[in-house]
Amino acid sequence: MDVDLARTFLAVVETGSFAEAANRVFVSQSTVSTRIRTLEDRLGKVLFARGKGGAALTAAGSQFLRHAQSMVRVWEHARLEIALPDGYEAALNVGGQYSLWDGFLLTWLAETRRKSPEVAIRAQMGFSDTLMQGLVDGILDLCVMYTPQGRSGFEVELLFEDTMILVSADPDVTELPAHNYVMIDWGPEFRADHALNFPQISVPGTYLELGSLSLQYLVNTGSSGYVPKRLVGDLLASGRLTPIEGAPTFSYPAYAVYPTESGAEFKTLVLSELRKVAKAVGAG
């Protein structure tokens, strides 16, 4: 069976729309319609109920869903394993939320490479929705994110609580709004909490989508902003950054998400080290 048919089917399921699915798989809407019709003809069942509100799975479509997920996952694993560079025995494809790499995932990555040099690792950043899509499509073997989606066939494991705190490189700043405040975008979860707590800062003077690189900007310019607490221990201890007392803090559980069918080797080599680093981060 053409794996593109299964991938297109999953895109329609995810978006609930043939038009949106076309954007996701980078083809025209007519191509999406043709692929779904072809799939329905081959299966002898109608997979979607089409209407003004979009496309909803029929009973047959719901039955086919897990098979489509499995087909795409098996294909992607086969493609990646065949493409392994010389000297490597296995491949691991990891995705992590932007804010979770520095101070956590990069530490885990270094330890995993040291202990398992025979494993080729490919890593990427993203937000929860795109990372989950990578898992569903079989492109990713493991993701670490704040807001996983509950799906059959995947395990969700709590790793630690990530806390955002408000700090300033200017000791005279004691509250918000401040003239030197920088809105650092740590993802949709943070944006929602920030808007709820600081509606008066709807248009910040400086807006950064630079992740942990924003710390350097705060220090160099004497600015204030929200940062993950795990990243600023040394800067707080040295006095280069000061926490703003009384400011709200935002906590986000960080989860590992991976296919239930992951083998014992994956759980031993990958998850055990991930849990160890997460425990250290949580304790810190």
Protein backbone atom coordinates (compact mmCIF):
# COMPACT_ATOMS: atom_id res chain seq x y z
CA MET A 1 0.00 0.00 0.00
CA ASP A 2 1.20 3.54 -0.78
CA VAL A 3 2.35 5.05 2.52
CA ASP A 4 1.39 8.51 1.24
CA LEU A 5 -2.25 7.44 1.39
CA ALA A 6 -1.91 6.55 5.06
CA ARG A 7 -0.01 9.75 5.80
CA THR A 8 -2.67 11.83 4.07
CA PHE A 9 -5.41 9.99 5.96
CA LEU A 10 -3.69 10.85 9.27
CA ALA A 11 -3.36 14.49 8.24
CA VAL A 12 -7.11 14.71 7.64
CA VAL A 13 -7.75 13.08 11.02
CA GLU A 14 -5.44 15.54 12.76
CA THR A 15 -6.80 18.68 11.12
CA GLY A 16 -10.41 17.67 10.56
CA SER A 17 -10.24 19.30 7.15
CA PHE A 18 -9.15 18.32 3.67
CA ALA A 19 -7.90 21.86 3.06
CA GLU A 20 -5.78 21.94 6.22
CA ALA A 21 -4.51 18.44 5.55
CA ALA A 22 -3.33 19.62 2.13
CA ASN A 23 -1.18 22.28 3.82
CA ARG A 24 0.26 19.73 6.21
CA VAL A 25 1.30 17.20 3.56
CA PHE A 26 2.25 19.87 0.99
CA VAL A 27 -0.13 18.90 -1.80
CA SER A 28 -3.29 20.43 -3.27
CA GLN A 29 -6.70 19.87 -1.75
CA SER A 30 -7.78 17.97 -4.86
CA THR A 31 -4.83 15.60 -4.36
CA VAL A 32 -5.92 14.98 -0.77
CA SER A 33 -9.46 14.20 -1.99
CA THR A 34 -8.11 11.82 -4.63
CA ARG A 35 -5.91 10.02 -2.14
CA ILE A 36 -8.76 9.55 0.34
CA ARG A 37 -11.09 8.30 -2.40
CA THR A 38 -8.40 5.85 -3.53
CA LEU A 39 -7.96 4.64 0.02
CA GLU A 40 -11.71 4.23 0.51
CA ASP A 41 -11.99 2.33 -2.80
CA ARG A 42 -9.22 -0.07 -1.78
CA LEU A 43 -10.72 -0.68 1.65
CA GLY A 44 -14.28 -0.78 0.42
CA LYS A 45 -15.39 1.54 3.23
CA VAL A 46 -16.16 5.22 3.67
CA LEU A 47 -13.58 6.63 6.10
CA PHE A 48 -14.81 10.20 6.54
CA ALA A 49 -18.19 11.86 6.85
CA ARG A 50 -17.82 15.10 4.88
CA GLY A 51 -19.78 18.18 5.89
CA LYS A 52 -19.64 21.95 6.24
CA GLY A 53 -17.90 21.53 9.56
CA GLY A 54 -15.09 19.49 8.07
CA ALA A 55 -14.31 15.77 7.89
CA ALA A 56 -15.12 13.41 10.77
CA LEU A 57 -14.11 9.77 11.06
CA THR A 58 -16.73 7.13 10.40
CA ALA A 59 -16.74 3.88 12.38
CA ALA A 60 -14.63 2.29 9.64
CA GLY A 61 -12.25 5.27 9.72
CA SER A 62 -11.79 4.90 13.46
CA GLN A 63 -10.96 1.22 12.97
CA PHE A 64 -8.43 2.04 10.28
CA LEU A 65 -6.74 4.79 12.34
CA ARG A 66 -4.40 2.61 14.38
CA HIS A 67 -3.43 0.62 11.29
CA ALA A 68 -2.54 3.82 9.43
CA GLN A 69 -0.44 5.01 12.37
CA SER A 70 1.36 1.68 12.49
CA MET A 71 2.04 1.65 8.75
CA VAL A 72 3.55 5.14 8.74
CA ARG A 73 5.61 4.40 11.83
CA VAL A 74 7.01 1.15 10.40
CA TRP A 75 7.84 2.84 7.09
CA GLU A 76 9.66 5.74 8.72
CA HIS A 77 11.67 3.45 10.95
CA ALA A 78 12.65 1.28 8.00
CA ARG A 79 13.65 4.32 5.95
CA LEU A 80 15.78 5.77 8.73
CA GLU A 81 17.46 2.49 9.65
CA ILE A 82 18.44 1.78 6.04
CA ALA A 83 19.93 5.27 5.85
CA LEU A 84 22.14 4.72 8.91
CA PRO A 85 25.68 6.02 8.49
CA ASP A 86 28.56 3.54 8.62
CA GLY A 87 29.58 2.50 12.10
CA TYR A 88 26.13 2.89 13.69
CA GLU A 89 23.79 0.10 14.70
CA ALA A 90 20.58 1.99 15.42
CA ALA A 91 18.94 5.39 15.03
CA LEU A 92 17.08 7.48 17.61
CA ASN A 93 14.95 10.43 16.54
CA VAL A 94 14.14 12.84 19.34
CA GLY A 95 12.01 15.97 19.54
CA GLY A 96 11.90 18.45 22.38
CA GLN A 97 10.09 21.66 23.22
CA TYR A 98 12.25 24.74 22.54
CA SER A 99 12.56 25.71 26.19
CA LEU A 100 13.58 22.22 27.35
CA TRP A 101 16.86 21.80 25.49
CA ASP A 102 19.23 24.04 27.46
CA GLY A 103 19.60 22.86 31.02
CA PHE A 104 17.97 19.49 30.38
CA LEU A 105 17.81 17.74 27.01
CA LEU A 106 21.29 18.78 25.88
CA THR A 107 22.67 17.27 29.09
CA TRP A 108 20.74 14.07 28.45
CA LEU A 109 21.88 14.04 24.80
CA ALA A 110 25.55 14.28 25.77
CA GLU A 111 25.24 11.44 28.29
CA THR A 112 23.35 9.24 25.86
CA ARG A 113 25.97 9.77 23.14
CA ARG A 114 28.74 8.97 25.62
CA LYS A 115 27.11 5.75 26.85
CA SER A 116 25.71 4.61 23.49
CA PRO A 117 28.16 5.72 20.77
CA GLU A 118 26.74 3.12 18.37
CA VAL A 119 23.37 4.92 18.24
CA ALA A 120 22.94 7.70 15.68
CA ILE A 121 20.81 10.46 17.21
CA ARG A 122 18.79 13.04 15.31
CA ALA A 123 17.25 15.83 17.36
CA GLN A 124 14.82 18.62 16.58
CA MET A 125 12.94 21.40 18.36
CA GLY A 126 9.27 22.30 18.17
CA PHE A 127 6.09 22.93 20.10
CA SER A 128 3.80 20.24 21.48
CA ASP A 129 1.43 19.94 18.51
CA THR A 130 4.16 19.50 15.88
CA LEU A 131 6.11 17.12 18.11
CA MET A 132 3.05 14.94 18.65
CA GLN A 133 2.49 14.89 14.90
CA GLY A 134 6.04 13.65 14.45
CA LEU A 135 5.32 10.80 16.86
CA VAL A 136 2.08 9.90 15.12
CA ASP A 137 3.77 9.93 11.70
CA GLY A 138 6.53 7.68 13.02
CA ILE A 139 9.23 10.27 12.33
CA LEU A 140 10.09 10.67 16.03
CA ASP A 141 10.76 7.94 18.59
CA LEU A 142 10.62 10.15 21.67
CA CYS A 143 9.38 13.64 22.49
CA VAL A 144 9.65 15.80 25.60
CA MET A 145 6.99 18.49 25.92
CA TYR A 146 4.71 20.40 28.27
CA THR A 147 1.26 19.49 26.91
CA PRO A 148 1.11 16.00 25.41
CA GLN A 149 -2.05 14.79 23.73
CA GLY A 150 -3.60 11.63 25.06
CA ARG A 151 -3.47 9.06 22.27
CA SER A 152 -3.80 5.32 22.13
CA GLY A 153 -0.53 3.60 21.38
CA PHE A 154 1.64 6.11 23.25
CA GLU A 155 2.98 6.30 26.80
CA VAL A 156 3.06 9.63 28.65
CA GLU A 157 5.50 9.90 31.56
CA LEU A 158 5.96 12.85 33.91
CA LEU A 159 9.63 13.85 34.22
CA PHE A 160 9.77 17.05 36.32
CA GLU A 161 8.14 20.43 36.94
CA ASP A 162 9.65 23.28 34.94
CA THR A 163 9.21 26.67 36.63
CA MET A 164 9.40 30.09 34.98
CA ILE A 165 10.44 32.97 37.24
CA LEU A 166 10.67 36.71 36.67
CA VAL A 167 14.22 38.07 36.98
CA SER A 168 15.96 41.36 36.30
CA ALA A 169 19.52 42.41 35.61
CA ASP A 170 18.61 45.83 37.03
CA PRO A 171 18.41 45.61 40.85
CA ASP A 172 16.24 48.74 40.97
CA VAL A 173 13.37 47.00 39.16
CA THR A 174 11.00 45.56 41.74
CA GLU A 175 7.75 45.00 39.80
CA LEU A 176 6.09 44.98 36.40
CA PRO A 177 5.49 46.67 34.09
CA ALA A 178 9.03 47.99 33.81
CA HIS A 179 10.52 50.05 31.00
CA ASN A 180 13.15 47.41 30.31
CA TYR A 181 10.86 44.38 30.32
CA VAL A 182 11.49 41.75 27.62
CA MET A 183 8.78 39.31 26.58
CA ILE A 184 10.60 36.02 26.00
CA ASP A 185 8.40 33.52 24.17
CA TRP A 186 8.68 30.12 25.86
CA GLY A 187 5.77 28.60 23.97
CA PRO A 188 1.95 28.66 23.81
CA GLU A 189 1.51 27.55 27.41
CA PHE A 190 3.63 30.44 28.69
CA ARG A 191 2.00 32.95 26.34
CA ALA A 192 -1.43 32.06 27.70
CA ASP A 193 -0.36 32.45 31.34
CA HIS A 194 1.49 35.67 30.60
CA ALA A 195 -1.53 37.25 28.89
CA LEU A 196 -3.76 36.26 31.80
CA ASN A 197 -1.46 37.72 34.45
CA PHE A 198 -0.18 40.76 32.58
CA PRO A 199 -2.95 42.06 30.29
CA GLN A 200 -1.36 45.52 30.45
CA ILE A 201 1.68 44.24 28.51
CA SER A 202 -0.18 43.36 25.33
CA VAL A 203 2.52 44.96 23.16
CA PRO A 204 5.95 44.59 24.81
CA GLY A 205 8.78 46.88 23.76
CA THR A 206 11.02 43.88 23.08
CA TYR A 207 9.79 40.43 22.06
CA LEU A 208 12.27 37.57 21.69
CA GLU A 209 11.82 34.07 20.28
CA LEU A 210 15.41 33.14 21.07
CA GLY A 211 14.99 30.73 23.96
CA SER A 212 17.95 30.55 26.32
CA LEU A 213 19.93 32.98 24.15
CA SER A 214 17.67 35.65 25.64
CA LEU A 215 19.52 35.32 28.96
CA GLN A 216 22.58 36.96 27.44
CA TYR A 217 20.42 39.83 26.25
CA LEU A 218 18.91 40.34 29.70
CA VAL A 219 22.30 40.48 31.36
CA ASN A 220 23.95 42.68 28.73
CA THR A 221 21.14 45.23 28.61
CA GLY A 222 20.06 45.30 32.24
CA SER A 223 16.60 44.02 31.29
CA SER A 224 14.00 41.87 33.02
CA GLY A 225 12.01 38.88 31.81
CA TYR A 226 10.75 35.40 32.54
CA VAL A 227 13.21 32.51 32.36
CA PRO A 228 13.29 28.84 33.44
CA LYS A 229 14.58 28.69 36.99
CA ARG A 230 16.87 25.76 36.14
CA LEU A 231 18.88 27.98 33.77
CA VAL A 232 19.72 30.87 36.08
CA GLY A 233 21.11 29.34 39.27
CA ASP A 234 24.65 30.65 38.71
CA LEU A 235 23.44 34.07 37.53
CA LEU A 236 21.26 34.45 40.62
CA ALA A 237 24.07 33.31 42.92
CA SER A 238 26.51 35.81 41.37
CA GLY A 239 24.00 38.65 41.58
CA ARG A 240 23.99 39.26 37.83
CA LEU A 241 20.26 38.51 37.89
CA THR A 242 17.84 39.18 40.73
CA PRO A 243 14.44 37.54 41.22
CA ILE A 244 11.53 39.99 41.41
CA GLU A 245 9.79 39.26 44.69
CA GLY A 246 6.04 38.73 44.57
CA ALA A 247 5.89 38.16 40.81
CA PRO A 248 3.79 35.17 39.72
CA THR A 249 5.65 32.01 38.76
CA PHE A 250 4.47 29.62 36.07
CA SER A 251 5.04 25.88 36.39
CA TYR A 252 4.74 23.38 33.54
CA PRO A 253 5.11 19.62 33.93
CA ALA A 254 7.56 18.22 31.39
CA TYR A 255 6.54 14.87 29.95
CA ALA A 256 8.24 12.17 27.91
CA VAL A 257 6.01 10.70 25.19
CA TYR A 258 6.94 7.57 23.27
CA PRO A 259 5.24 4.64 21.48
CA THR A 260 3.95 1.91 23.79
CA GLU A 261 5.56 -0.69 21.55
CA SER A 262 9.07 0.71 22.17
CA GLY A 263 11.47 -2.14 22.84
CA ALA A 264 13.35 -3.02 26.01
CA GLU A 265 16.61 -1.65 24.61
CA PHE A 266 15.00 1.75 24.04
CA LYS A 267 13.66 1.83 27.58
CA THR A 268 16.99 0.78 29.07
CA LEU A 269 19.34 3.01 27.09
CA VAL A 270 17.15 6.05 26.52
CA LEU A 271 14.48 6.36 29.17
CA SER A 272 16.66 5.40 32.14
CA GLU A 273 19.16 8.15 31.33
CA LEU A 274 16.36 10.64 30.64
CA ARG A 275 14.81 9.91 34.04
CA LYS A 276 18.18 10.30 35.74
CA VAL A 277 18.81 13.74 34.23
CA ALA A 278 15.20 14.79 34.92
CA LYS A 279 15.58 13.79 38.56
CA ALA A 280 18.71 15.94 38.87
CA VAL A 281 16.96 18.91 37.21
CA GLY A 282 13.93 18.52 39.45
CA ALA A 283 16.10 18.33 42.57
CA GLY A 284 18.05 21.40 41.45
